[in-house]
PDB file of N, CA and C in Angstrom:
ATOM      1  N   MET A   1       9.476  -8.252  -1.252  1.00  0.00           N
ATOM      2  CA  MET A   1       8.273  -9.044  -1.344  1.00  0.00           C
ATOM      3  C   MET A   1       7.266  -8.528  -0.310  1.00  0.00           C
ATOM      4  N   THR A   2       6.039  -8.356  -0.747  1.00  0.00           N
ATOM      5  CA  THR A   2       4.988  -7.886   0.146  1.00  0.00           C
ATOM      6  C   THR A   2       4.305  -9.072   0.803  1.00  0.00           C
ATOM      7  N   LYS A   3       4.242  -9.038   2.103  1.00  0.00           N
ATOM      8  CA  LYS A   3       3.542 -10.074   2.862  1.00  0.00           C
ATOM      9  C   LYS A   3       2.160  -9.539   3.194  1.00  0.00           C
ATOM     10  N   ARG A   4       1.174 -10.413   3.188  1.00  0.00           N
ATOM     11  CA  ARG A   4      -0.197 -10.004   3.480  1.00  0.00           C
ATOM     12  C   ARG A   4      -0.735 -10.794   4.658  1.00  0.00           C
ATOM     13  N   ILE A   5      -1.617 -10.149   5.385  1.00  0.00           N
ATOM     14  CA  ILE A   5      -2.307 -10.776   6.504  1.00  0.00           C
ATOM     15  C   ILE A   5      -3.776 -10.863   6.132  1.00  0.00           C
ATOM     16  N   ASP A   6      -4.350 -12.020   6.303  1.00  0.00           N
ATOM     17  CA  ASP A   6      -5.784 -12.176   6.061  1.00  0.00           C
ATOM     18  C   ASP A   6      -6.517 -11.850   7.360  1.00  0.00           C
ATOM     19  N   PHE A   7      -6.916 -10.592   7.496  1.00  0.00           N
ATOM     20  CA  PHE A   7      -7.550 -10.152   8.737  1.00  0.00           C
ATOM     21  C   PHE A   7      -8.938 -10.752   8.936  1.00  0.00           C
ATOM     22  N   SER A   8      -9.508 -11.341   7.902  1.00  0.00           N
ATOM     23  CA  SER A   8     -10.813 -11.992   8.079  1.00  0.00           C
ATOM     24  C   SER A   8     -10.689 -13.228   8.969  1.00  0.00           C
ATOM     25  N   LYS A   9      -9.469 -13.748   9.125  1.00  0.00           N
ATOM     26  CA  LYS A   9      -9.239 -14.928   9.968  1.00  0.00           C
ATOM     27  C   LYS A   9      -8.880 -14.570  11.413  1.00  0.00           C
ATOM     28  N   ILE A  10      -8.606 -13.305  11.674  1.00  0.00           N
ATOM     29  CA  ILE A  10      -8.189 -12.874  13.011  1.00  0.00           C
ATOM     30  C   ILE A  10      -9.400 -12.840  13.941  1.00  0.00           C
ATOM     31  N   THR A  11      -9.246 -13.500  15.095  1.00  0.00           N
ATOM     32  CA  THR A  11     -10.356 -13.571  16.058  1.00  0.00           C
ATOM     33  C   THR A  11     -10.060 -12.845  17.367  1.00  0.00           C
ATOM     34  N   GLY A  12      -8.836 -12.342  17.529  1.00  0.00           N
ATOM     35  CA  GLY A  12      -8.519 -11.645  18.769  1.00  0.00           C
ATOM     36  C   GLY A  12      -7.030 -11.462  18.947  1.00  0.00           C
ATOM     37  N   TYR A  13      -6.652 -11.305  20.201  1.00  0.00           N
ATOM     38  CA  TYR A  13      -5.268 -11.009  20.560  1.00  0.00           C
ATOM     39  C   TYR A  13      -4.728 -12.070  21.500  1.00  0.00           C
ATOM     40  N   GLU A  14      -3.429 -12.262  21.436  1.00  0.00           N
ATOM     41  CA  GLU A  14      -2.719 -13.142  22.358  1.00  0.00           C
ATOM     42  C   GLU A  14      -1.634 -12.278  22.992  1.00  0.00           C
ATOM     43  N   TRP A  15      -1.688 -12.139  24.313  1.00  0.00           N
ATOM     44  CA  TRP A  15      -0.745 -11.263  25.007  1.00  0.00           C
ATOM     45  C   TRP A  15       0.259 -12.061  25.821  1.00  0.00           C
ATOM     46  N   ASP A  16       1.524 -11.759  25.624  1.00  0.00           N
ATOM     47  CA  ASP A  16       2.606 -12.301  26.431  1.00  0.00           C
ATOM     48  C   ASP A  16       2.775 -11.369  27.628  1.00  0.00           C
ATOM     49  N   LYS A  17       2.788 -11.934  28.833  1.00  0.00           N
ATOM     50  CA  LYS A  17       2.866 -11.120  30.048  1.00  0.00           C
ATOM     51  C   LYS A  17       4.080 -10.189  30.037  1.00  0.00           C
ATOM     52  N   GLY A  18       5.231 -10.708  29.616  1.00  0.00           N
ATOM     53  CA  GLY A  18       6.448  -9.896  29.587  1.00  0.00           C
ATOM     54  C   GLY A  18       6.341  -8.721  28.630  1.00  0.00           C
ATOM     55  N   ASN A  19       5.815  -8.970  27.427  1.00  0.00           N
ATOM     56  CA  ASN A  19       5.650  -7.884  26.455  1.00  0.00           C
ATOM     57  C   ASN A  19       4.628  -6.865  26.943  1.00  0.00           C
ATOM     58  N   LYS A  20       3.565  -7.359  27.544  1.00  0.00           N
ATOM     59  CA  LYS A  20       2.512  -6.484  28.060  1.00  0.00           C
ATOM     60  C   LYS A  20       3.082  -5.538  29.120  1.00  0.00           C
ATOM     61  N   GLU A  21       3.860  -6.092  30.047  1.00  0.00           N
ATOM     62  CA  GLU A  21       4.468  -5.283  31.111  1.00  0.00           C
ATOM     63  C   GLU A  21       5.513  -4.320  30.554  1.00  0.00           C
ATOM     64  N   LYS A  22       6.307  -4.786  29.576  1.00  0.00           N
ATOM     65  CA  LYS A  22       7.328  -3.928  28.960  1.00  0.00           C
ATOM     66  C   LYS A  22       6.676  -2.723  28.282  1.00  0.00           C
ATOM     67  N   ASN A  23       5.607  -2.973  27.544  1.00  0.00           N
ATOM     68  CA  ASN A  23       4.929  -1.875  26.855  1.00  0.00           C
ATOM     69  C   ASN A  23       4.388  -0.854  27.849  1.00  0.00           C
ATOM     70  N   LYS A  24       3.862  -1.332  28.969  1.00  0.00           N
ATOM     71  CA  LYS A  24       3.319  -0.435  29.994  1.00  0.00           C
ATOM     72  C   LYS A  24       4.441   0.295  30.728  1.00  0.00           C
ATOM     73  N   ASN A  25       5.425  -0.443  31.217  1.00  0.00           N
ATOM     74  CA  ASN A  25       6.470   0.151  32.051  1.00  0.00           C
ATOM     75  C   ASN A  25       7.474   0.998  31.272  1.00  0.00           C
ATOM     76  N   LYS A  26       7.886   0.524  30.110  1.00  0.00           N
ATOM     77  CA  LYS A  26       8.912   1.229  29.338  1.00  0.00           C
ATOM     78  C   LYS A  26       8.327   2.318  28.440  1.00  0.00           C
ATOM     79  N   HIS A  27       7.150   2.045  27.850  1.00  0.00           N
ATOM     80  CA  HIS A  27       6.589   2.957  26.851  1.00  0.00           C
ATOM     81  C   HIS A  27       5.280   3.615  27.288  1.00  0.00           C
ATOM     82  N   ASN A  28       4.775   3.234  28.463  1.00  0.00           N
ATOM     83  CA  ASN A  28       3.518   3.777  28.988  1.00  0.00           C
ATOM     84  C   ASN A  28       2.349   3.568  28.014  1.00  0.00           C
ATOM     85  N   VAL A  29       2.306   2.393  27.397  1.00  0.00           N
ATOM     86  CA  VAL A  29       1.231   2.051  26.466  1.00  0.00           C
ATOM     87  C   VAL A  29       0.401   0.933  27.079  1.00  0.00           C
ATOM     88  N   GLU A  30      -0.887   1.191  27.214  1.00  0.00           N
ATOM     89  CA  GLU A  30      -1.819   0.204  27.752  1.00  0.00           C
ATOM     90  C   GLU A  30      -2.213  -0.787  26.658  1.00  0.00           C
ATOM     91  N   THR A  31      -2.624  -1.960  27.071  1.00  0.00           N
ATOM     92  CA  THR A  31      -3.046  -3.010  26.146  1.00  0.00           C
ATOM     93  C   THR A  31      -4.162  -2.533  25.221  1.00  0.00           C
ATOM     94  N   ASP A  32      -5.172  -1.872  25.793  1.00  0.00           N
ATOM     95  CA  ASP A  32      -6.301  -1.437  24.968  1.00  0.00           C
ATOM     96  C   ASP A  32      -5.883  -0.395  23.933  1.00  0.00           C
ATOM     97  N   GLU A  33      -4.886   0.429  24.245  1.00  0.00           N
ATOM     98  CA  GLU A  33      -4.397   1.399  23.262  1.00  0.00           C
ATOM     99  C   GLU A  33      -3.781   0.676  22.064  1.00  0.00           C
ATOM    100  N   SER A  34      -3.005  -0.360  22.344  1.00  0.00           N
ATOM    101  CA  SER A  34      -2.398  -1.140  21.257  1.00  0.00           C
ATOM    102  C   SER A  34      -3.473  -1.752  20.375  1.00  0.00           C
ATOM    103  N   GLU A  35      -4.505  -2.294  20.990  1.00  0.00           N
ATOM    104  CA  GLU A  35      -5.573  -2.937  20.226  1.00  0.00           C
ATOM    105  C   GLU A  35      -6.372  -1.930  19.406  1.00  0.00           C
ATOM    106  N   GLU A  36      -6.533  -0.709  19.905  1.00  0.00           N
ATOM    107  CA  GLU A  36      -7.288   0.325  19.181  1.00  0.00           C
ATOM    108  C   GLU A  36      -6.688   0.608  17.810  1.00  0.00           C
ATOM    109  N   ILE A  37      -5.372   0.523  17.711  1.00  0.00           N
ATOM    110  CA  ILE A  37      -4.691   0.820  16.450  1.00  0.00           C
ATOM    111  C   ILE A  37      -5.288   0.004  15.304  1.00  0.00           C
ATOM    112  N   PHE A  38      -5.593  -1.253  15.564  1.00  0.00           N
ATOM    113  CA  PHE A  38      -6.061  -2.158  14.511  1.00  0.00           C
ATOM    114  C   PHE A  38      -7.474  -1.829  14.030  1.00  0.00           C
ATOM    115  N   PHE A  39      -8.193  -1.002  14.770  1.00  0.00           N
ATOM    116  CA  PHE A  39      -9.553  -0.609  14.396  1.00  0.00           C
ATOM    117  C   PHE A  39      -9.610   0.798  13.807  1.00  0.00           C
ATOM    118  N   ASN A  40      -8.468   1.478  13.758  1.00  0.00           N
ATOM    119  CA  ASN A  40      -8.438   2.873  13.323  1.00  0.00           C
ATOM    120  C   ASN A  40      -7.644   3.070  12.038  1.00  0.00           C
ATOM    121  N   ASP A  41      -7.861   2.192  11.069  1.00  0.00           N
ATOM    122  CA  ASP A  41      -7.305   2.331   9.728  1.00  0.00           C
ATOM    123  C   ASP A  41      -5.779   2.485   9.714  1.00  0.00           C
ATOM    124  N   PRO A  42      -5.053   1.514  10.275  1.00  0.00           N
ATOM    125  CA  PRO A  42      -3.593   1.624  10.336  1.00  0.00           C
ATOM    126  C   PRO A  42      -2.917   1.406   8.986  1.00  0.00           C
ATOM    127  N   ILE A  43      -1.659   1.752   8.956  1.00  0.00           N
ATOM    128  CA  ILE A  43      -0.785   1.464   7.819  1.00  0.00           C
ATOM    129  C   ILE A  43       0.064   0.262   8.237  1.00  0.00           C
ATOM    130  N   PHE A  44       0.039  -0.794   7.432  1.00  0.00           N
ATOM    131  CA  PHE A  44       0.791  -2.008   7.749  1.00  0.00           C
ATOM    132  C   PHE A  44       2.028  -2.119   6.871  1.00  0.00           C
ATOM    133  N   GLU A  45       3.048  -2.729   7.444  1.00  0.00           N
ATOM    134  CA  GLU A  45       4.302  -2.935   6.727  1.00  0.00           C
ATOM    135  C   GLU A  45       4.924  -4.245   7.215  1.00  0.00           C
ATOM    136  N   TYR A  46       5.466  -5.006   6.300  1.00  0.00           N
ATOM    137  CA  TYR A  46       6.195  -6.223   6.666  1.00  0.00           C
ATOM    138  C   TYR A  46       7.533  -5.814   7.263  1.00  0.00           C
ATOM    139  N   ASP A  47       7.900  -6.385   8.400  1.00  0.00           N
ATOM    140  CA  ASP A  47       9.148  -6.047   9.096  1.00  0.00           C
ATOM    141  C   ASP A  47      10.214  -7.092   8.757  1.00  0.00           C
ATOM    142  N   LYS A  48      10.776  -6.960   7.573  1.00  0.00           N
ATOM    143  CA  LYS A  48      11.751  -7.935   7.078  1.00  0.00           C
ATOM    144  C   LYS A  48      12.963  -8.049   8.002  1.00  0.00           C
ATOM    145  N   ALA A  49      13.410  -6.933   8.553  1.00  0.00           N
ATOM    146  CA  ALA A  49      14.614  -6.922   9.392  1.00  0.00           C
ATOM    147  C   ALA A  49      14.467  -7.755  10.658  1.00  0.00           C
ATOM    148  N   HIS A  50      13.248  -7.907  11.156  1.00  0.00           N
ATOM    149  CA  HIS A  50      13.028  -8.639  12.409  1.00  0.00           C
ATOM    150  C   HIS A  50      12.219  -9.923  12.206  1.00  0.00           C
ATOM    151  N   SER A  51      12.211 -10.446  11.002  1.00  0.00           N
ATOM    152  CA  SER A  51      11.398 -11.624  10.695  1.00  0.00           C
ATOM    153  C   SER A  51      12.230 -12.887  10.520  1.00  0.00           C
ATOM    154  N   GLN A  52      13.246 -13.080  11.345  1.00  0.00           N
ATOM    155  CA  GLN A  52      14.079 -14.272  11.197  1.00  0.00           C
ATOM    156  C   GLN A  52      13.346 -15.533  11.651  1.00  0.00           C
ATOM    157  N   GLY A  53      12.884 -15.583  12.884  1.00  0.00           N
ATOM    158  CA  GLY A  53      12.232 -16.775  13.418  1.00  0.00           C
ATOM    159  C   GLY A  53      10.766 -16.883  13.062  1.00  0.00           C
ATOM    160  N   GLU A  54      10.130 -15.746  12.885  1.00  0.00           N
ATOM    161  CA  GLU A  54       8.714 -15.701  12.520  1.00  0.00           C
ATOM    162  C   GLU A  54       8.456 -14.387  11.793  1.00  0.00           C
ATOM    163  N   GLU A  55       7.401 -14.364  11.001  1.00  0.00           N
ATOM    164  CA  GLU A  55       7.069 -13.139  10.286  1.00  0.00           C
ATOM    165  C   GLU A  55       6.574 -12.083  11.271  1.00  0.00           C
ATOM    166  N   ARG A  56       7.143 -10.900  11.142  1.00  0.00           N
ATOM    167  CA  ARG A  56       6.723  -9.774  11.978  1.00  0.00           C
ATOM    168  C   ARG A  56       6.254  -8.636  11.087  1.00  0.00           C
ATOM    169  N   PHE A  57       5.346  -7.882  11.639  1.00  0.00           N
ATOM    170  CA  PHE A  57       4.742  -6.778  10.917  1.00  0.00           C
ATOM    171  C   PHE A  57       4.750  -5.537  11.789  1.00  0.00           C
ATOM    172  N   LEU A  58       4.634  -4.383  11.136  1.00  0.00           N
ATOM    173  CA  LEU A  58       4.499  -3.115  11.839  1.00  0.00           C
ATOM    174  C   LEU A  58       3.140  -2.528  11.501  1.00  0.00           C
ATOM    175  N   ALA A  59       2.521  -1.925  12.490  1.00  0.00           N
ATOM    176  CA  ALA A  59       1.274  -1.192  12.287  1.00  0.00           C
ATOM    177  C   ALA A  59       1.502   0.225  12.787  1.00  0.00           C
ATOM    178  N   TYR A  60       1.377   1.178  11.879  1.00  0.00           N
ATOM    179  CA  TYR A  60       1.454   2.592  12.243  1.00  0.00           C
ATOM    180  C   TYR A  60       0.016   3.057  12.377  1.00  0.00           C
ATOM    181  N   GLY A  61      -0.317   3.656  13.519  1.00  0.00           N
ATOM    182  CA  GLY A  61      -1.701   4.055  13.662  1.00  0.00           C
ATOM    183  C   GLY A  61      -1.938   5.040  14.779  1.00  0.00           C
ATOM    184  N   ILE A  62      -3.227   5.272  15.004  1.00  0.00           N
ATOM    185  CA  ILE A  62      -3.664   6.270  15.964  1.00  0.00           C
ATOM    186  C   ILE A  62      -4.673   5.646  16.923  1.00  0.00           C
ATOM    187  N   THR A  63      -4.576   6.015  18.192  1.00  0.00           N
ATOM    188  CA  THR A  63      -5.521   5.513  19.191  1.00  0.00           C
ATOM    189  C   THR A  63      -6.784   6.370  19.165  1.00  0.00           C
ATOM    190  N   ASP A  64      -7.766   5.949  19.917  1.00  0.00           N
ATOM    191  CA  ASP A  64      -9.010   6.715  20.007  1.00  0.00           C
ATOM    192  C   ASP A  64      -8.778   8.104  20.604  1.00  0.00           C
ATOM    193  N   LYS A  65      -7.700   8.248  21.377  1.00  0.00           N
ATOM    194  CA  LYS A  65      -7.357   9.554  21.971  1.00  0.00           C
ATOM    195  C   LYS A  65      -6.273  10.273  21.167  1.00  0.00           C
ATOM    196  N   GLU A  66      -6.087   9.838  19.911  1.00  0.00           N
ATOM    197  CA  GLU A  66      -5.194  10.470  18.941  1.00  0.00           C
ATOM    198  C   GLU A  66      -3.707  10.365  19.282  1.00  0.00           C
ATOM    199  N   ARG A  67      -3.341   9.329  19.969  1.00  0.00           N
ATOM    200  CA  ARG A  67      -1.930   9.044  20.236  1.00  0.00           C
ATOM    201  C   ARG A  67      -1.384   8.232  19.067  1.00  0.00           C
ATOM    202  N   LEU A  68      -0.277   8.664  18.488  1.00  0.00           N
ATOM    203  CA  LEU A  68       0.325   7.964  17.353  1.00  0.00           C
ATOM    204  C   LEU A  68       1.284   6.900  17.864  1.00  0.00           C
ATOM    205  N   LEU A  69       0.966   5.646  17.554  1.00  0.00           N
ATOM    206  CA  LEU A  69       1.775   4.519  18.009  1.00  0.00           C
ATOM    207  C   LEU A  69       2.291   3.715  16.831  1.00  0.00           C
ATOM    208  N   ILE A  70       3.354   2.993  17.081  1.00  0.00           N
ATOM    209  CA  ILE A  70       3.831   1.975  16.148  1.00  0.00           C
ATOM    210  C   ILE A  70       3.830   0.656  16.916  1.00  0.00           C
ATOM    211  N   ILE A  71       3.255  -0.362  16.296  1.00  0.00           N
ATOM    212  CA  ILE A  71       3.102  -1.670  16.920  1.00  0.00           C
ATOM    213  C   ILE A  71       3.897  -2.684  16.104  1.00  0.00           C
ATOM    214  N   CYS A  72       4.742  -3.448  16.765  1.00  0.00           N
ATOM    215  CA  CYS A  72       5.388  -4.597  16.145  1.00  0.00           C
ATOM    216  C   CYS A  72       4.587  -5.815  16.595  1.00  0.00           C
ATOM    217  N   PHE A  73       4.159  -6.645  15.638  1.00  0.00           N
ATOM    218  CA  PHE A  73       3.323  -7.785  15.990  1.00  0.00           C
ATOM    219  C   PHE A  73       3.568  -8.955  15.060  1.00  0.00           C
ATOM    220  N   THR A  74       3.075 -10.089  15.473  1.00  0.00           N
ATOM    221  CA  THR A  74       3.120 -11.298  14.666  1.00  0.00           C
ATOM    222  C   THR A  74       1.749 -11.956  14.749  1.00  0.00           C
ATOM    223  N   ILE A  75       1.557 -12.975  13.954  1.00  0.00           N
ATOM    224  CA  ILE A  75       0.300 -13.725  13.982  1.00  0.00           C
ATOM    225  C   ILE A  75       0.587 -15.069  14.628  1.00  0.00           C
ATOM    226  N   ARG A  76      -0.194 -15.417  15.637  1.00  0.00           N
ATOM    227  CA  ARG A  76      -0.002 -16.660  16.385  1.00  0.00           C
ATOM    228  C   ARG A  76      -1.319 -17.412  16.510  1.00  0.00           C
ATOM    229  N   GLY A  77      -1.275 -18.461  17.307  1.00  0.00           N
ATOM    230  CA  GLY A  77      -2.452 -19.282  17.552  1.00  0.00           C
ATOM    231  C   GLY A  77      -2.445 -20.512  16.672  1.00  0.00           C
ATOM    232  N   GLU A  78      -3.151 -21.541  17.119  1.00  0.00           N
ATOM    233  CA  GLU A  78      -3.229 -22.793  16.351  1.00  0.00           C
ATOM    234  C   GLU A  78      -3.680 -22.556  14.924  1.00  0.00           C
ATOM    235  N   LYS A  79      -4.630 -21.658  14.760  1.00  0.00           N
ATOM    236  CA  LYS A  79      -5.200 -21.389  13.443  1.00  0.00           C
ATOM    237  C   LYS A  79      -4.639 -20.116  12.818  1.00  0.00           C
ATOM    238  N   LYS A  80      -3.541 -19.612  13.393  1.00  0.00           N
ATOM    239  CA  LYS A  80      -2.974 -18.336  12.926  1.00  0.00           C
ATOM    240  C   LYS A  80      -4.066 -17.268  12.914  1.00  0.00           C
ATOM    241  N   ASP A  81      -4.780 -17.180  14.048  1.00  0.00           N
ATOM    242  CA  ASP A  81      -5.927 -16.276  14.124  1.00  0.00           C
ATOM    243  C   ASP A  81      -5.822 -15.240  15.243  1.00  0.00           C
ATOM    244  N   LYS A  82      -4.627 -15.102  15.824  1.00  0.00           N
ATOM    245  CA  LYS A  82      -4.434 -14.157  16.927  1.00  0.00           C
ATOM    246  C   LYS A  82      -3.311 -13.174  16.595  1.00  0.00           C
ATOM    247  N   ILE A  83      -3.552 -11.923  16.909  1.00  0.00           N
ATOM    248  CA  ILE A  83      -2.502 -10.910  16.821  1.00  0.00           C
ATOM    249  C   ILE A  83      -1.752 -10.927  18.137  1.00  0.00           C
ATOM    250  N   ARG A  84      -0.445 -11.083  18.056  1.00  0.00           N
ATOM    251  CA  ARG A  84       0.387 -11.038  19.260  1.00  0.00           C
ATOM    252  C   ARG A  84       1.273  -9.803  19.174  1.00  0.00           C
ATOM    253  N   VAL A  85       0.977  -8.834  20.025  1.00  0.00           N
ATOM    254  CA  VAL A  85       1.752  -7.599  20.049  1.00  0.00           C
ATOM    255  C   VAL A  85       3.081  -7.868  20.747  1.00  0.00           C
ATOM    256  N   ILE A  86       4.160  -7.532  20.076  1.00  0.00           N
ATOM    257  CA  ILE A  86       5.496  -7.710  20.625  1.00  0.00           C
ATOM    258  C   ILE A  86       5.941  -6.421  21.312  1.00  0.00           C
ATOM    259  N   SER A  87       5.759  -5.309  20.623  1.00  0.00           N
ATOM    260  CA  SER A  87       6.069  -4.019  21.246  1.00  0.00           C
ATOM    261  C   SER A  87       5.123  -2.952  20.723  1.00  0.00           C
ATOM    262  N   SER A  88       4.937  -1.951  21.554  1.00  0.00           N
ATOM    263  CA  SER A  88       4.039  -0.851  21.239  1.00  0.00           C
ATOM    264  C   SER A  88       4.619   0.407  21.873  1.00  0.00           C
ATOM    265  N   ARG A  89       4.817   1.428  21.051  1.00  0.00           N
ATOM    266  CA  ARG A  89       5.416   2.665  21.565  1.00  0.00           C
ATOM    267  C   ARG A  89       4.971   3.841  20.710  1.00  0.00           C
ATOM    268  N   ASP A  90       5.267   5.045  21.214  1.00  0.00           N
ATOM    269  CA  ASP A  90       4.981   6.255  20.446  1.00  0.00           C
ATOM    270  C   ASP A  90       5.854   6.286  19.196  1.00  0.00           C
ATOM    271  N   GLN A  91       5.297   6.818  18.123  1.00  0.00           N
ATOM    272  CA  GLN A  91       6.063   6.967  16.892  1.00  0.00           C
ATOM    273  C   GLN A  91       7.109   8.067  17.067  1.00  0.00           C
ATOM    274  N   HIS A  92       8.297   7.830  16.515  1.00  0.00           N
ATOM    275  CA  HIS A  92       9.336   8.858  16.461  1.00  0.00           C
ATOM    276  C   HIS A  92       9.012   9.811  15.311  1.00  0.00           C
ATOM    277  N   LYS A  93       9.732  10.899  15.221  1.00  0.00           N
ATOM    278  CA  LYS A  93       9.459  11.927  14.216  1.00  0.00           C
ATOM    279  C   LYS A  93       9.411  11.359  12.792  1.00  0.00           C
ATOM    280  N   LYS A  94      10.415  10.586  12.398  1.00  0.00           N
ATOM    281  CA  LYS A  94      10.439  10.036  11.032  1.00  0.00           C
ATOM    282  C   LYS A  94       9.282   9.066  10.803  1.00  0.00           C
ATOM    283  N   GLU A  95       8.905   8.335  11.834  1.00  0.00           N
ATOM    284  CA  GLU A  95       7.773   7.408  11.720  1.00  0.00           C
ATOM    285  C   GLU A  95       6.463   8.168  11.574  1.00  0.00           C
ATOM    286  N   ARG A  96       6.326   9.292  12.280  1.00  0.00           N
ATOM    287  CA  ARG A  96       5.123  10.127  12.141  1.00  0.00           C
ATOM    288  C   ARG A  96       5.039  10.691  10.731  1.00  0.00           C
ATOM    289  N   GLU A  97       6.175  11.151  10.219  1.00  0.00           N
ATOM    290  CA  GLU A  97       6.211  11.683   8.855  1.00  0.00           C
ATOM    291  C   GLU A  97       5.829  10.603   7.849  1.00  0.00           C
ATOM    292  N   TYR A  98       6.373   9.409   8.020  1.00  0.00           N
ATOM    293  CA  TYR A  98       6.058   8.280   7.136  1.00  0.00           C
ATOM    294  C   TYR A  98       4.566   7.957   7.202  1.00  0.00           C
ATOM    295  N   TYR A  99       4.033   7.871   8.416  1.00  0.00           N
ATOM    296  CA  TYR A  99       2.618   7.544   8.618  1.00  0.00           C
ATOM    297  C   TYR A  99       1.723   8.580   7.935  1.00  0.00           C
ATOM    298  N   LYS A 100       1.998   9.850   8.158  1.00  0.00           N
ATOM    299  CA  LYS A 100       1.177  10.912   7.561  1.00  0.00           C
ATOM    300  C   LYS A 100       1.281  10.902   6.037  1.00  0.00           C
ATOM    301  N   LYS A 101       2.475  10.619   5.512  1.00  0.00           N
ATOM    302  CA  LYS A 101       2.653  10.537   4.060  1.00  0.00           C
ATOM    303  C   LYS A 101       1.847   9.366   3.497  1.00  0.00           C
ATOM    304  N   GLN A 102       1.897   8.221   4.159  1.00  0.00           N
ATOM    305  CA  GLN A 102       1.152   7.049   3.701  1.00  0.00           C
ATOM    306  C   GLN A 102      -0.357   7.297   3.741  1.00  0.00           C
ATOM    307  N   LEU A 103      -0.826   7.977   4.791  1.00  0.00           N
ATOM    308  CA  LEU A 103      -2.254   8.312   4.871  1.00  0.00           C
ATOM    309  C   LEU A 103      -2.663   9.236   3.733  1.00  0.00           C
ATOM    310  N   ALA A 104      -1.816  10.227   3.428  1.00  0.00           N
ATOM    311  CA  ALA A 104      -2.110  11.159   2.340  1.00  0.00           C
ATOM    312  C   ALA A 104      -2.158  10.427   1.002  1.00  0.00           C
ATOM    313  N   GLU A 105      -1.223   9.506   0.788  1.00  0.00           N
ATOM    314  CA  GLU A 105      -1.220   8.729  -0.457  1.00  0.00           C
ATOM    315  C   GLU A 105      -2.450   7.839  -0.550  1.00  0.00           C
ATOM    316  N   ARG A 106      -2.838   7.251   0.569  1.00  0.00           N
ATOM    317  CA  ARG A 106      -4.038   6.413   0.592  1.00  0.00           C
ATOM    318  C   ARG A 106      -5.274   7.247   0.249  1.00  0.00           C
ATOM    319  N   LYS A 107      -5.365   8.433   0.834  1.00  0.00           N
ATOM    320  CA  LYS A 107      -6.506   9.316   0.580  1.00  0.00           C
ATOM    321  C   LYS A 107      -6.544   9.731  -0.885  1.00  0.00           C
ATOM    322  N   LYS A 108      -5.374  10.077  -1.434  1.00  0.00           N
ATOM    323  CA  LYS A 108      -5.286  10.484  -2.838  1.00  0.00           C
ATOM    324  C   LYS A 108      -5.739   9.349  -3.753  1.00  0.00           C
ATOM    325  N   LYS A 109      -5.294   8.143  -3.456  1.00  0.00           N
ATOM    326  CA  LYS A 109      -5.682   6.975  -4.251  1.00  0.00           C
ATOM    327  C   LYS A 109      -7.187   6.732  -4.151  1.00  0.00           C
ATOM    328  N   TYR A 110      -7.733   6.866  -2.949  1.00  0.00           N
ATOM    329  CA  TYR A 110      -9.170   6.684  -2.736  1.00  0.00           C
ATOM    330  C   TYR A 110      -9.959   7.719  -3.536  1.00  0.00           C
ATOM    331  N   GLU A 111      -9.518   8.967  -3.478  1.00  0.00           N
ATOM    332  CA  GLU A 111     -10.212  10.045  -4.194  1.00  0.00           C
ATOM    333  C   GLU A 111     -10.169   9.814  -5.703  1.00  0.00           C
ATOM    334  N   SER A 112      -9.035   9.355  -6.228  1.00  0.00           N
ATOM    335  CA  SER A 112      -8.931   9.120  -7.672  1.00  0.00           C
ATOM    336  C   SER A 112      -9.792   7.931  -8.101  1.00  0.00           C
ATOM    337  N   ASN A 113      -9.998   6.974  -7.215  1.00  0.00           N
ATOM    338  CA  ASN A 113     -10.851   5.825  -7.534  1.00  0.00           C
ATOM    339  C   ASN A 113     -12.331   6.180  -7.496  1.00  0.00           C
ATOM    340  N   LYS A 114     -12.683   7.254  -6.797  1.00  0.00           N
ATOM    341  CA  LYS A 114     -14.080   7.682  -6.709  1.00  0.00           C
ATOM    342  C   LYS A 114     -14.560   8.316  -8.003  1.00  0.00           C
ATOM    343  N   LYS A 115     -13.621   8.806  -8.822  1.00  0.00           N
ATOM    344  CA  LYS A 115     -13.982   9.533 -10.050  1.00  0.00           C
ATOM    345  C   LYS A 115     -14.507   8.621 -11.111  1.00  0.00           C
TER     346      LYS A 115
END
C-alpha cells in the first residue's frame, strides 16, 4: 500500500534534541543539510518495516553541496504539519543506485508526458 504525505500542509520541522545530536555526532549530518533534501526533489518511500508505532517515511535526496543522504522521518505536530527527522545519513551504495534509478525513471516519465 502506498502512503502519501500532503506536503501542502507541512509548515516546518520539529527536531528532537537526541536525534539532532545523533545525526551530527554519528553521521556528521547537520540539521540544515537534512532540511535541504526536502527542497531538492527527493524520492519518497513509505518505510513499512519501521512503521509500527507511527508512520515513517524515507527521503532519498541530495543536499545543496551534492551530498547524497537518506532521511528517515515522520509527520508530527498537533495539525500533522511538521516533519520530524528521525535519522539522517549518507546513502550506502545500494541506496545510491536505487536513488539514481528512481531519478532516471522520473525523468523518463516526465519526458514522455511532454510529448
